[in-house]
Each structure stands twice: as C-alpha cells, then as structure tokens.
Amino acid sequence: MATTTQLPQPTALSDAQLRGAACVWCEGYLATAAAVDLGMRAHPQYPGVLWFPRACPACAEARS
C-alpha cells in the first residue's frame, strides 16, 4: 500500500517509530504481521543513517 501523505520528520519520532516498532502517526505498537511497511528511508539530518517507517493498517489506509 502506498501512501500519498508526507511522513513525519524523523527528528520528531521516537526510537520505536524510527525502528518500525511503532506507527509513525499514532505511535501504536506494531505486530509484524499487521504492520504496513512504508519503505526504508535515508535520515535527512544524519548522512548514512537509515530509518524504517511503518504504520498500522488504520493509519496507512487513512493516508492512502
């Protein structure tokens, strides 16, 4: 599922959100089977650092 909404800035997210363990929008815990992968991204502030945004199905659906 692709999202047409811009993701939050990584600098505003928690460690769990950066690792993909929590939804980037609602901060809810993500079970691996239900999480929507939003793709690996380069961190805009730290060259060479990657982040792994994921969303819960409800948030991903609301933003697609």
C-alpha atoms as a PDB file:
ATOM      1  CA  MET A   1       0.000   0.000   0.000  1.00  0.00           C
ATOM      2  CA  ALA A   2       1.445   3.341  -0.994  1.00  0.00           C
ATOM      3  CA  THR A   3       0.856   6.487   0.957  1.00  0.00           C
ATOM      4  CA  THR A   4       0.270   9.859  -0.627  1.00  0.00           C
ATOM      5  CA  THR A   5       0.801  11.727   2.628  1.00  0.00           C
ATOM      6  CA  GLN A   6       4.208  13.012   3.628  1.00  0.00           C
ATOM      7  CA  LEU A   7       5.744  11.140   6.536  1.00  0.00           C
ATOM      8  CA  PRO A   8       6.550  12.920   9.796  1.00  0.00           C
ATOM      9  CA  GLN A   9      10.113  14.218  10.105  1.00  0.00           C
ATOM     10  CA  PRO A  10      12.378  11.555  11.634  1.00  0.00           C
ATOM     11  CA  THR A  11      13.686  14.076  14.165  1.00  0.00           C
ATOM     12  CA  ALA A  12      10.180  14.248  15.678  1.00  0.00           C
ATOM     13  CA  LEU A  13       9.800  10.478  16.073  1.00  0.00           C
ATOM     14  CA  SER A  14      10.611   8.122  18.918  1.00  0.00           C
ATOM     15  CA  ASP A  15      13.218   5.373  18.662  1.00  0.00           C
ATOM     16  CA  ALA A  16      10.420   2.793  18.335  1.00  0.00           C
ATOM     17  CA  GLN A  17       8.926   4.727  15.411  1.00  0.00           C
ATOM     18  CA  LEU A  18      12.328   5.024  13.704  1.00  0.00           C
ATOM     19  CA  ARG A  19      12.901   1.255  14.049  1.00  0.00           C
ATOM     20  CA  GLY A  20       9.453   0.438  12.700  1.00  0.00           C
ATOM     21  CA  ALA A  21       8.207  -0.987  16.001  1.00  0.00           C
ATOM     22  CA  ALA A  22       5.552   1.743  16.344  1.00  0.00           C
ATOM     23  CA  CYS A  23       3.303   3.525  13.867  1.00  0.00           C
ATOM     24  CA  VAL A  24       4.820   6.771  12.560  1.00  0.00           C
ATOM     25  CA  TRP A  25       1.477   8.547  13.006  1.00  0.00           C
ATOM     26  CA  CYS A  26      -0.355   7.172  16.064  1.00  0.00           C
ATOM     27  CA  GLU A  27       2.658   5.660  17.902  1.00  0.00           C
ATOM     28  CA  GLY A  28       0.760   2.394  18.389  1.00  0.00           C
ATOM     29  CA  TYR A  29       2.800  -0.816  18.803  1.00  0.00           C
ATOM     30  CA  LEU A  30       3.053  -2.756  15.530  1.00  0.00           C
ATOM     31  CA  ALA A  31       2.849  -6.519  15.268  1.00  0.00           C
ATOM     32  CA  THR A  32       4.986  -7.725  12.364  1.00  0.00           C
ATOM     33  CA  ALA A  33       2.086  -9.443  10.594  1.00  0.00           C
ATOM     34  CA  ALA A  34      -0.155  -6.361  10.603  1.00  0.00           C
ATOM     35  CA  ALA A  35       2.366  -3.544  10.029  1.00  0.00           C
ATOM     36  CA  VAL A  36       2.389  -1.660   6.731  1.00  0.00           C
ATOM     37  CA  ASP A  37       5.976  -1.167   5.537  1.00  0.00           C
ATOM     38  CA  LEU A  38       6.496   2.354   4.183  1.00  0.00           C
ATOM     39  CA  GLY A  39       9.980   1.666   2.828  1.00  0.00           C
ATOM     40  CA  MET A  40      13.498   2.218   4.079  1.00  0.00           C
ATOM     41  CA  ARG A  41      14.439   5.922   4.033  1.00  0.00           C
ATOM     42  CA  ALA A  42      17.583   7.980   4.397  1.00  0.00           C
ATOM     43  CA  HIS A  43      17.582  10.157   7.504  1.00  0.00           C
ATOM     44  CA  PRO A  44      17.671  13.792   6.318  1.00  0.00           C
ATOM     45  CA  GLN A  45      19.753  15.023   9.238  1.00  0.00           C
ATOM     46  CA  TYR A  46      22.330  12.219   9.504  1.00  0.00           C
ATOM     47  CA  PRO A  47      24.062  11.103   6.292  1.00  0.00           C
ATOM     48  CA  GLY A  48      24.355   7.328   6.049  1.00  0.00           C
ATOM     49  CA  VAL A  49      21.683   6.692   8.696  1.00  0.00           C
ATOM     50  CA  LEU A  50      18.550   4.848   7.632  1.00  0.00           C
ATOM     51  CA  TRP A  51      15.127   4.695   9.227  1.00  0.00           C
ATOM     52  CA  PHE A  52      12.365   2.177   8.696  1.00  0.00           C
ATOM     53  CA  PRO A  53       8.924   3.802   8.861  1.00  0.00           C
ATOM     54  CA  ARG A  54       5.918   1.543   9.289  1.00  0.00           C
ATOM     55  CA  ALA A  55       2.298   2.248  10.014  1.00  0.00           C
ATOM     56  CA  CYS A  56      -0.680   0.497  11.486  1.00  0.00           C
ATOM     57  CA  PRO A  57      -3.265  -0.549   8.876  1.00  0.00           C
ATOM     58  CA  ALA A  58      -5.774   2.100  10.003  1.00  0.00           C
ATOM     59  CA  CYS A  59      -3.309   4.994   9.692  1.00  0.00           C
ATOM     60  CA  ALA A  60      -1.942   3.716   6.364  1.00  0.00           C
ATOM     61  CA  GLU A  61      -5.462   3.349   4.971  1.00  0.00           C
ATOM     62  CA  ALA A  62      -6.437   6.842   6.124  1.00  0.00           C
ATOM     63  CA  ARG A  63      -3.432   8.312   4.300  1.00  0.00           C
ATOM     64  CA  SER A  64      -3.525   6.336   1.059  1.00  0.00           C
END
